[in-house]
C-alpha cells in the first residue's frame, strides 16, 4: 500500500483572491513560490506605490501610506499581545 499525502483544499477567499486578473497571479506566486518570489512580490508592490506617486502625485503616495499605518500598527499590536510570554 502506498502512502499519499492529502492536500487540504484552499479556503474560498483564497480562490477569490487568486482569481483577480492583475494581483491574482502575483499573490499565487508569492504564496506557492520560494524566497525569491516573495522578494519580487515586495519589489512589485513598491514599484506600484511609486507608479501611484507618478500618476496622482502626493495623493497617490499618501493614500497607500494611510492604508499601511493601521496595518503595521495592528501587526505590531498582535506581536506584542500574542508573543507567548
Foldseek 3Di string as FASTA:
>chain_A
DDDDDDDDDDDPVLVVCLPDDPCNVLVVCCVPDDPVSVVVSVVVVVVVLVVLCVPVNPVSNVVVVVVVVVVVVVVVVCCVVPVPD
